[in-house]
Amino acid sequence: MSNKLKRIYKICNIMNDLNIITIKQLHKKMNTDEYPCCKSSIEKDLFFMKMELDIEYETLHNRGIRFTEKIDLIERIKAWII
């Protein structure tokens, strides 16, 4: 689970600028670190974030995705645990 949380943390950091980003761009930014991940893991993490952590993001057809608001990941995780 720790690798999943690390990926989710990275996704939030990247997407908190509220700009539109494609999965391919997100994948490229996340794979600059020492821990590689695949696109399907990112897609699964985004689904987890939406379903379990109530993190909303827009899907803009053929353009990408973006958060609808800045996310405080720690607060979302606390709410999920409690």
PDB file of N, CA and C in Angstrom:
ATOM      1  N   MET A   1       0.815  -1.205   0.000  1.00  0.00           N
ATOM      2  CA  MET A   1       0.000   0.000   0.000  1.00  0.00           C
ATOM      3  C   MET A   1       0.852   1.261   0.000  1.00  0.00           C
ATOM      4  N   SER A   2       2.063   1.202   0.507  1.00  0.00           N
ATOM      5  CA  SER A   2       2.882   2.415   0.594  1.00  0.00           C
ATOM      6  C   SER A   2       3.236   2.962  -0.789  1.00  0.00           C
ATOM      7  N   ASN A   3       3.481   2.084  -1.763  1.00  0.00           N
ATOM      8  CA  ASN A   3       3.768   2.568  -3.114  1.00  0.00           C
ATOM      9  C   ASN A   3       2.550   3.271  -3.708  1.00  0.00           C
ATOM     10  N   LYS A   4       1.379   2.755  -3.432  1.00  0.00           N
ATOM     11  CA  LYS A   4       0.138   3.375  -3.909  1.00  0.00           C
ATOM     12  C   LYS A   4      -0.001   4.771  -3.306  1.00  0.00           C
ATOM     13  N   LEU A   5       0.251   4.913  -2.013  1.00  0.00           N
ATOM     14  CA  LEU A   5       0.152   6.217  -1.365  1.00  0.00           C
ATOM     15  C   LEU A   5       1.186   7.196  -1.916  1.00  0.00           C
ATOM     16  N   LYS A   6       2.367   6.702  -2.209  1.00  0.00           N
ATOM     17  CA  LYS A   6       3.394   7.555  -2.809  1.00  0.00           C
ATOM     18  C   LYS A   6       2.941   8.051  -4.178  1.00  0.00           C
ATOM     19  N   ARG A   7       2.363   7.173  -4.976  1.00  0.00           N
ATOM     20  CA  ARG A   7       1.874   7.573  -6.295  1.00  0.00           C
ATOM     21  C   ARG A   7       0.738   8.587  -6.173  1.00  0.00           C
ATOM     22  N   ILE A   8      -0.188   8.339  -5.253  1.00  0.00           N
ATOM     23  CA  ILE A   8      -1.310   9.254  -5.048  1.00  0.00           C
ATOM     24  C   ILE A   8      -0.806  10.624  -4.598  1.00  0.00           C
ATOM     25  N   TYR A   9       0.179  10.637  -3.725  1.00  0.00           N
ATOM     26  CA  TYR A   9       0.782  11.890  -3.276  1.00  0.00           C
ATOM     27  C   TYR A   9       1.386  12.646  -4.463  1.00  0.00           C
ATOM     28  N   LYS A  10       2.095  11.932  -5.335  1.00  0.00           N
ATOM     29  CA  LYS A  10       2.707  12.557  -6.510  1.00  0.00           C
ATOM     30  C   LYS A  10       1.641  13.073  -7.468  1.00  0.00           C
ATOM     31  N   ILE A  11       0.592  12.290  -7.675  1.00  0.00           N
ATOM     32  CA  ILE A  11      -0.496  12.720  -8.552  1.00  0.00           C
ATOM     33  C   ILE A  11      -1.110  14.017  -8.024  1.00  0.00           C
ATOM     34  N   CYS A  12      -1.376  14.074  -6.727  1.00  0.00           N
ATOM     35  CA  CYS A  12      -1.959  15.283  -6.132  1.00  0.00           C
ATOM     36  C   CYS A  12      -1.027  16.475  -6.289  1.00  0.00           C
ATOM     37  N   ASN A  13       0.252  16.276  -6.051  1.00  0.00           N
ATOM     38  CA  ASN A  13       1.200  17.383  -6.199  1.00  0.00           C
ATOM     39  C   ASN A  13       1.223  17.911  -7.622  1.00  0.00           C
ATOM     40  N   ILE A  14       1.177  17.033  -8.577  1.00  0.00           N
ATOM     41  CA  ILE A  14       1.205  17.448  -9.978  1.00  0.00           C
ATOM     42  C   ILE A  14      -0.101  18.120 -10.380  1.00  0.00           C
ATOM     43  N   MET A  15      -1.216  17.545  -9.952  1.00  0.00           N
ATOM     44  CA  MET A  15      -2.520  18.032 -10.419  1.00  0.00           C
ATOM     45  C   MET A  15      -3.080  19.193  -9.600  1.00  0.00           C
ATOM     46  N   ASN A  16      -2.455  19.523  -8.476  1.00  0.00           N
ATOM     47  CA  ASN A  16      -2.946  20.637  -7.665  1.00  0.00           C
ATOM     48  C   ASN A  16      -2.730  22.000  -8.310  1.00  0.00           C
ATOM     49  N   ASP A  17      -2.044  22.058  -9.431  1.00  0.00           N
ATOM     50  CA  ASP A  17      -1.944  23.333 -10.144  1.00  0.00           C
ATOM     51  C   ASP A  17      -3.207  23.617 -10.949  1.00  0.00           C
ATOM     52  N   LEU A  18      -4.119  22.634 -10.984  1.00  0.00           N
ATOM     53  CA  LEU A  18      -5.431  22.728 -11.631  1.00  0.00           C
ATOM     54  C   LEU A  18      -5.363  22.893 -13.145  1.00  0.00           C
ATOM     55  N   ASN A  19      -4.225  22.604 -13.733  1.00  0.00           N
ATOM     56  CA  ASN A  19      -4.091  22.637 -15.190  1.00  0.00           C
ATOM     57  C   ASN A  19      -4.525  21.304 -15.788  1.00  0.00           C
ATOM     58  N   ILE A  20      -4.905  21.339 -17.051  1.00  0.00           N
ATOM     59  CA  ILE A  20      -5.284  20.123 -17.769  1.00  0.00           C
ATOM     60  C   ILE A  20      -4.018  19.327 -18.062  1.00  0.00           C
ATOM     61  N   ILE A  21      -4.095  18.013 -17.820  1.00  0.00           N
ATOM     62  CA  ILE A  21      -2.960  17.124 -18.079  1.00  0.00           C
ATOM     63  C   ILE A  21      -3.492  15.796 -18.612  1.00  0.00           C
ATOM     64  N   THR A  22      -2.793  15.222 -19.553  1.00  0.00           N
ATOM     65  CA  THR A  22      -3.197  13.904 -20.061  1.00  0.00           C
ATOM     66  C   THR A  22      -2.559  12.831 -19.184  1.00  0.00           C
ATOM     67  N   ILE A  23      -3.081  11.623 -19.282  1.00  0.00           N
ATOM     68  CA  ILE A  23      -2.501  10.504 -18.546  1.00  0.00           C
ATOM     69  C   ILE A  23      -1.059  10.292 -19.002  1.00  0.00           C
ATOM     70  N   LYS A  24      -0.818  10.455 -20.288  1.00  0.00           N
ATOM     71  CA  LYS A  24       0.535  10.289 -20.829  1.00  0.00           C
ATOM     72  C   LYS A  24       1.501  11.312 -20.212  1.00  0.00           C
ATOM     73  N   GLN A  25       1.080  12.565 -20.100  1.00  0.00           N
ATOM     74  CA  GLN A  25       1.921  13.597 -19.485  1.00  0.00           C
ATOM     75  C   GLN A  25       2.133  13.318 -18.003  1.00  0.00           C
ATOM     76  N   LEU A  26       1.070  12.904 -17.338  1.00  0.00           N
ATOM     77  CA  LEU A  26       1.158  12.567 -15.913  1.00  0.00           C
ATOM     78  C   LEU A  26       2.130  11.415 -15.705  1.00  0.00           C
ATOM     79  N   HIS A  27       2.026  10.415 -16.549  1.00  0.00           N
ATOM     80  CA  HIS A  27       2.923   9.259 -16.492  1.00  0.00           C
ATOM     81  C   HIS A  27       4.376   9.699 -16.666  1.00  0.00           C
ATOM     82  N   LYS A  28       4.612  10.575 -17.615  1.00  0.00           N
ATOM     83  CA  LYS A  28       5.965  11.064 -17.888  1.00  0.00           C
ATOM     84  C   LYS A  28       6.532  11.830 -16.686  1.00  0.00           C
ATOM     85  N   LYS A  29       5.721  12.683 -16.077  1.00  0.00           N
ATOM     86  CA  LYS A  29       6.172  13.447 -14.913  1.00  0.00           C
ATOM     87  C   LYS A  29       6.433  12.555 -13.707  1.00  0.00           C
ATOM     88  N   MET A  30       5.618  11.543 -13.537  1.00  0.00           N
ATOM     89  CA  MET A  30       5.776  10.670 -12.377  1.00  0.00           C
ATOM     90  C   MET A  30       6.963   9.736 -12.525  1.00  0.00           C
ATOM     91  N   ASN A  31       7.350   9.411 -13.730  1.00  0.00           N
ATOM     92  CA  ASN A  31       8.456   8.485 -13.946  1.00  0.00           C
ATOM     93  C   ASN A  31       9.821   9.165 -13.975  1.00  0.00           C
ATOM     94  N   THR A  32       9.902  10.410 -13.558  1.00  0.00           N
ATOM     95  CA  THR A  32      11.196  11.076 -13.464  1.00  0.00           C
ATOM     96  C   THR A  32      11.895  10.711 -12.156  1.00  0.00           C
ATOM     97  N   ASP A  33      11.170  10.152 -11.220  1.00  0.00           N
ATOM     98  CA  ASP A  33      11.739   9.765  -9.922  1.00  0.00           C
ATOM     99  C   ASP A  33      12.359   8.375  -9.989  1.00  0.00           C
ATOM    100  N   GLU A  34      12.832   7.919  -8.848  1.00  0.00           N
ATOM    101  CA  GLU A  34      13.473   6.610  -8.778  1.00  0.00           C
ATOM    102  C   GLU A  34      12.484   5.454  -8.849  1.00  0.00           C
ATOM    103  N   TYR A  35      11.197   5.741  -8.604  1.00  0.00           N
ATOM    104  CA  TYR A  35      10.200   4.677  -8.599  1.00  0.00           C
ATOM    105  C   TYR A  35       9.343   4.741  -9.859  1.00  0.00           C
ATOM    106  N   PRO A  36       9.511   3.810 -10.778  1.00  0.00           N
ATOM    107  CA  PRO A  36       8.702   3.831 -12.004  1.00  0.00           C
ATOM    108  C   PRO A  36       7.299   3.251 -11.765  1.00  0.00           C
ATOM    109  N   CYS A  37       6.354   3.710 -12.567  1.00  0.00           N
ATOM    110  CA  CYS A  37       5.009   3.137 -12.519  1.00  0.00           C
ATOM    111  C   CYS A  37       4.441   3.145 -13.931  1.00  0.00           C
ATOM    112  N   CYS A  38       3.409   2.366 -14.137  1.00  0.00           N
ATOM    113  CA  CYS A  38       2.814   2.276 -15.466  1.00  0.00           C
ATOM    114  C   CYS A  38       1.520   3.094 -15.523  1.00  0.00           C
ATOM    115  N   LYS A  39       1.055   3.356 -16.726  1.00  0.00           N
ATOM    116  CA  LYS A  39      -0.146   4.161 -16.923  1.00  0.00           C
ATOM    117  C   LYS A  39      -1.364   3.535 -16.258  1.00  0.00           C
ATOM    118  N   SER A  40      -1.455   2.216 -16.308  1.00  0.00           N
ATOM    119  CA  SER A  40      -2.623   1.561 -15.713  1.00  0.00           C
ATOM    120  C   SER A  40      -2.648   1.752 -14.198  1.00  0.00           C
ATOM    121  N   SER A  41      -1.493   1.810 -13.557  1.00  0.00           N
ATOM    122  CA  SER A  41      -1.443   2.070 -12.112  1.00  0.00           C
ATOM    123  C   SER A  41      -1.947   3.476 -11.815  1.00  0.00           C
ATOM    124  N   ILE A  42      -1.574   4.429 -12.647  1.00  0.00           N
ATOM    125  CA  ILE A  42      -2.040   5.806 -12.468  1.00  0.00           C
ATOM    126  C   ILE A  42      -3.555   5.864 -12.634  1.00  0.00           C
ATOM    127  N   GLU A  43      -4.084   5.174 -13.635  1.00  0.00           N
ATOM    128  CA  GLU A  43      -5.528   5.158 -13.856  1.00  0.00           C
ATOM    129  C   GLU A  43      -6.251   4.509 -12.675  1.00  0.00           C
ATOM    130  N   LYS A  44      -5.702   3.445 -12.135  1.00  0.00           N
ATOM    131  CA  LYS A  44      -6.301   2.796 -10.964  1.00  0.00           C
ATOM    132  C   LYS A  44      -6.237   3.712  -9.753  1.00  0.00           C
ATOM    133  N   ASP A  45      -5.123   4.422  -9.598  1.00  0.00           N
ATOM    134  CA  ASP A  45      -4.988   5.355  -8.478  1.00  0.00           C
ATOM    135  C   ASP A  45      -5.999   6.492  -8.589  1.00  0.00           C
ATOM    136  N   LEU A  46      -6.196   7.014  -9.786  1.00  0.00           N
ATOM    137  CA  LEU A  46      -7.188   8.067  -9.991  1.00  0.00           C
ATOM    138  C   LEU A  46      -8.587   7.569  -9.648  1.00  0.00           C
ATOM    139  N   PHE A  47      -8.900   6.340 -10.029  1.00  0.00           N
ATOM    140  CA  PHE A  47     -10.201   5.754  -9.696  1.00  0.00           C
ATOM    141  C   PHE A  47     -10.349   5.611  -8.180  1.00  0.00           C
ATOM    142  N   PHE A  48      -9.299   5.132  -7.515  1.00  0.00           N
ATOM    143  CA  PHE A  48      -9.304   5.014  -6.053  1.00  0.00           C
ATOM    144  C   PHE A  48      -9.519   6.385  -5.409  1.00  0.00           C
ATOM    145  N   MET A  49      -8.812   7.384  -5.919  1.00  0.00           N
ATOM    146  CA  MET A  49      -8.921   8.729  -5.369  1.00  0.00           C
ATOM    147  C   MET A  49     -10.347   9.253  -5.495  1.00  0.00           C
ATOM    148  N   LYS A  50     -10.980   8.973  -6.614  1.00  0.00           N
ATOM    149  CA  LYS A  50     -12.351   9.438  -6.840  1.00  0.00           C
ATOM    150  C   LYS A  50     -13.348   8.681  -5.961  1.00  0.00           C
ATOM    151  N   MET A  51     -13.243   7.374  -5.935  1.00  0.00           N
ATOM    152  CA  MET A  51     -14.227   6.551  -5.235  1.00  0.00           C
ATOM    153  C   MET A  51     -14.040   6.541  -3.716  1.00  0.00           C
ATOM    154  N   GLU A  52     -12.821   6.457  -3.260  1.00  0.00           N
ATOM    155  CA  GLU A  52     -12.568   6.307  -1.822  1.00  0.00           C
ATOM    156  C   GLU A  52     -12.250   7.620  -1.109  1.00  0.00           C
ATOM    157  N   LEU A  53     -11.548   8.521  -1.784  1.00  0.00           N
ATOM    158  CA  LEU A  53     -11.130   9.767  -1.135  1.00  0.00           C
ATOM    159  C   LEU A  53     -11.994  10.957  -1.550  1.00  0.00           C
ATOM    160  N   ASP A  54     -13.005  10.714  -2.391  1.00  0.00           N
ATOM    161  CA  ASP A  54     -13.915  11.761  -2.867  1.00  0.00           C
ATOM    162  C   ASP A  54     -13.182  12.930  -3.506  1.00  0.00           C
ATOM    163  N   ILE A  55     -12.146  12.624  -4.272  1.00  0.00           N
ATOM    164  CA  ILE A  55     -11.404  13.650  -5.004  1.00  0.00           C
ATOM    165  C   ILE A  55     -12.000  13.740  -6.401  1.00  0.00           C
ATOM    166  N   GLU A  56     -12.565  14.890  -6.685  1.00  0.00           N
ATOM    167  CA  GLU A  56     -13.209  15.101  -7.978  1.00  0.00           C
ATOM    168  C   GLU A  56     -12.212  15.624  -9.000  1.00  0.00           C
ATOM    169  N   TYR A  57     -12.326  15.105 -10.196  1.00  0.00           N
ATOM    170  CA  TYR A  57     -11.554  15.647 -11.314  1.00  0.00           C
ATOM    171  C   TYR A  57     -12.422  15.597 -12.560  1.00  0.00           C
ATOM    172  N   GLU A  58     -12.172  16.541 -13.445  1.00  0.00           N
ATOM    173  CA  GLU A  58     -12.915  16.616 -14.699  1.00  0.00           C
ATOM    174  C   GLU A  58     -12.181  15.823 -15.758  1.00  0.00           C
ATOM    175  N   THR A  59     -12.939  15.162 -16.601  1.00  0.00           N
ATOM    176  CA  THR A  59     -12.382  14.516 -17.781  1.00  0.00           C
ATOM    177  C   THR A  59     -12.783  15.368 -18.976  1.00  0.00           C
ATOM    178  N   LEU A  60     -11.799  15.968 -19.611  1.00  0.00           N
ATOM    179  CA  LEU A  60     -12.042  16.835 -20.757  1.00  0.00           C
ATOM    180  C   LEU A  60     -11.688  16.046 -22.010  1.00  0.00           C
ATOM    181  N   HIS A  61     -12.675  15.623 -22.736  1.00  0.00           N
ATOM    182  CA  HIS A  61     -12.510  14.725 -23.878  1.00  0.00           C
ATOM    183  C   HIS A  61     -11.392  15.175 -24.815  1.00  0.00           C
ATOM    184  N   ASN A  62     -10.493  14.261 -25.084  1.00  0.00           N
ATOM    185  CA  ASN A  62      -9.353  14.458 -25.985  1.00  0.00           C
ATOM    186  C   ASN A  62      -8.358  15.506 -25.512  1.00  0.00           C
ATOM    187  N   ARG A  63      -8.547  16.044 -24.313  1.00  0.00           N
ATOM    188  CA  ARG A  63      -7.620  17.052 -23.808  1.00  0.00           C
ATOM    189  C   ARG A  63      -6.926  16.602 -22.541  1.00  0.00           C
ATOM    190  N   GLY A  64      -7.598  15.828 -21.703  1.00  0.00           N
ATOM    191  CA  GLY A  64      -6.990  15.350 -20.478  1.00  0.00           C
ATOM    192  C   GLY A  64      -7.917  15.455 -19.290  1.00  0.00           C
ATOM    193  N   ILE A  65      -7.305  15.554 -18.118  1.00  0.00           N
ATOM    194  CA  ILE A  65      -8.051  15.640 -16.862  1.00  0.00           C
ATOM    195  C   ILE A  65      -7.489  16.792 -16.041  1.00  0.00           C
ATOM    196  N   ARG A  66      -8.290  17.219 -15.049  1.00  0.00           N
ATOM    197  CA  ARG A  66      -7.806  18.212 -14.087  1.00  0.00           C
ATOM    198  C   ARG A  66      -8.668  18.153 -12.839  1.00  0.00           C
ATOM    199  N   PHE A  67      -8.058  18.505 -11.715  1.00  0.00           N
ATOM    200  CA  PHE A  67      -8.804  18.598 -10.468  1.00  0.00           C
ATOM    201  C   PHE A  67      -9.784  19.760 -10.574  1.00  0.00           C
ATOM    202  N   THR A  68     -10.922  19.640  -9.909  1.00  0.00           N
ATOM    203  CA  THR A  68     -11.890  20.723  -9.889  1.00  0.00           C
ATOM    204  C   THR A  68     -11.555  21.737  -8.791  1.00  0.00           C
ATOM    205  N   GLU A  69     -10.695  21.330  -7.847  1.00  0.00           N
ATOM    206  CA  GLU A  69     -10.236  22.215  -6.773  1.00  0.00           C
ATOM    207  C   GLU A  69      -8.920  21.679  -6.221  1.00  0.00           C
ATOM    208  N   LYS A  70      -8.183  22.527  -5.494  1.00  0.00           N
ATOM    209  CA  LYS A  70      -6.942  22.060  -4.868  1.00  0.00           C
ATOM    210  C   LYS A  70      -7.294  21.052  -3.788  1.00  0.00           C
ATOM    211  N   ILE A  71      -6.452  20.049  -3.651  1.00  0.00           N
ATOM    212  CA  ILE A  71      -6.719  18.939  -2.736  1.00  0.00           C
ATOM    213  C   ILE A  71      -5.726  18.946  -1.582  1.00  0.00           C
ATOM    214  N   ASP A  72      -6.254  18.835  -0.358  1.00  0.00           N
ATOM    215  CA  ASP A  72      -5.423  18.604   0.820  1.00  0.00           C
ATOM    216  C   ASP A  72      -5.483  17.093   1.062  1.00  0.00           C
ATOM    217  N   LEU A  73      -4.497  16.400   0.543  1.00  0.00           N
ATOM    218  CA  LEU A  73      -4.509  14.940   0.563  1.00  0.00           C
ATOM    219  C   LEU A  73      -4.549  14.383   1.984  1.00  0.00           C
ATOM    220  N   ILE A  74      -3.802  14.977   2.892  1.00  0.00           N
ATOM    221  CA  ILE A  74      -3.768  14.484   4.278  1.00  0.00           C
ATOM    222  C   ILE A  74      -5.167  14.540   4.893  1.00  0.00           C
ATOM    223  N   GLU A  75      -5.887  15.625   4.672  1.00  0.00           N
ATOM    224  CA  GLU A  75      -7.249  15.742   5.206  1.00  0.00           C
ATOM    225  C   GLU A  75      -8.183  14.709   4.574  1.00  0.00           C
ATOM    226  N   ARG A  76      -8.020  14.453   3.283  1.00  0.00           N
ATOM    227  CA  ARG A  76      -8.857  13.446   2.613  1.00  0.00           C
ATOM    228  C   ARG A  76      -8.586  12.055   3.168  1.00  0.00           C
ATOM    229  N   ILE A  77      -7.314  11.767   3.418  1.00  0.00           N
ATOM    230  CA  ILE A  77      -6.961  10.450   3.967  1.00  0.00           C
ATOM    231  C   ILE A  77      -7.501  10.317   5.396  1.00  0.00           C
ATOM    232  N   LYS A  78      -7.389  11.375   6.191  1.00  0.00           N
ATOM    233  CA  LYS A  78      -7.937  11.346   7.563  1.00  0.00           C
ATOM    234  C   LYS A  78      -9.431  11.062   7.530  1.00  0.00           C
ATOM    235  N   ALA A  79     -10.152  11.764   6.665  1.00  0.00           N
ATOM    236  CA  ALA A  79     -11.599  11.570   6.564  1.00  0.00           C
ATOM    237  C   ALA A  79     -11.944  10.154   6.119  1.00  0.00           C
ATOM    238  N   TRP A  80     -11.129   9.592   5.245  1.00  0.00           N
ATOM    239  CA  TRP A  80     -11.343   8.232   4.742  1.00  0.00           C
ATOM    240  C   TRP A  80     -11.133   7.203   5.853  1.00  0.00           C
ATOM    241  N   ILE A  81     -10.141   7.435   6.686  1.00  0.00           N
ATOM    242  CA  ILE A  81      -9.817   6.494   7.762  1.00  0.00           C
ATOM    243  C   ILE A  81     -10.856   6.521   8.864  1.00  0.00           C
ATOM    244  N   ILE A  82     -11.351   7.685   9.164  1.00  0.00           N
ATOM    245  CA  ILE A  82     -12.276   7.841  10.300  1.00  0.00           C
ATOM    246  C   ILE A  82     -13.646   7.417   9.972  1.00  0.00           C
TER     247      ILE A  82
END
